[in-house]
């Protein structure tokens, strides 16, 4: 009956929550299939999808038979005769002391090359790649060429030394340029030193702030400004205030500022008694 009506019957329960996820998943699948079917029926959308697909059909290049190559040792099941690397490692000192001979696995044109000493490496590069037997002669020729260029440059400077451009000699221009470059270097260094040694104050004195505003012609309320200002007290200031209070108490003549231990104990007892009476009072 369900197949005839193109419907699905799934058991579920809202009370125990069984089968609810299955119903959701099936509904999503049905909706996705319906949308894909509608897209496939649309000729424009189908053509757009096929245009993005490429089916490769390789053609035969020639008539040469290329069967799979299987080594004879694999076909015959021949195993290596002799001790394994693991056995040699245990025989010659174990892991860390035994050096695996990697040269045995090299595939070389000649067998006598197997244990040859190859060039060392420096900074990730093979030294032999940069070796040239004629390096000394080439270096000498390069030095002679550089000396010739310097000599030609000096001769050119001699010729242009007395040349005048816009009423200024070339030698004077060079001297001026050298002086300007030196002055520019000194100014840069002075600027760096000044920036490094400059101390930027995060807080300002109240008198400096008032003086600055008055110099600009701005009228301000000094009392209001002082009341809104925050003065950061350091530990030294706090200790100094405590020392001042203690000194004032010791220097008093009548002793009215000094509270004795007996008097303080009496006050504390009276306070405790008042609290106890207040807590035990009815009502």
Foldseek 3Di string as FASTA:
>chain_A
DCVVVVHDDFDADPVVGPRPVVVVVVVVVVVVVVVVVVQCVDVVSVVVVVVPDDDDDDDDDDDDDDDDDDDPCVVVVDDDDDDDPQVVQVVQPHPPRDDDQPLVVDDDPDPVCSPDDAADDDPNHGPVVPDDPCVVVVVVVVVVVVVVVVVVVVVVCVVQQQPADPNHGPVVVVVVVVVVVVVVVVVVVVVVVCVVPDDDDPDDDLVVVVVVCVVVVHDDDSVVVVVPDDDDDDPVNVVVVVVVVVVVCVPDDVNPVPDDPVNVVVVVVVVVVVVVCVVPPDD
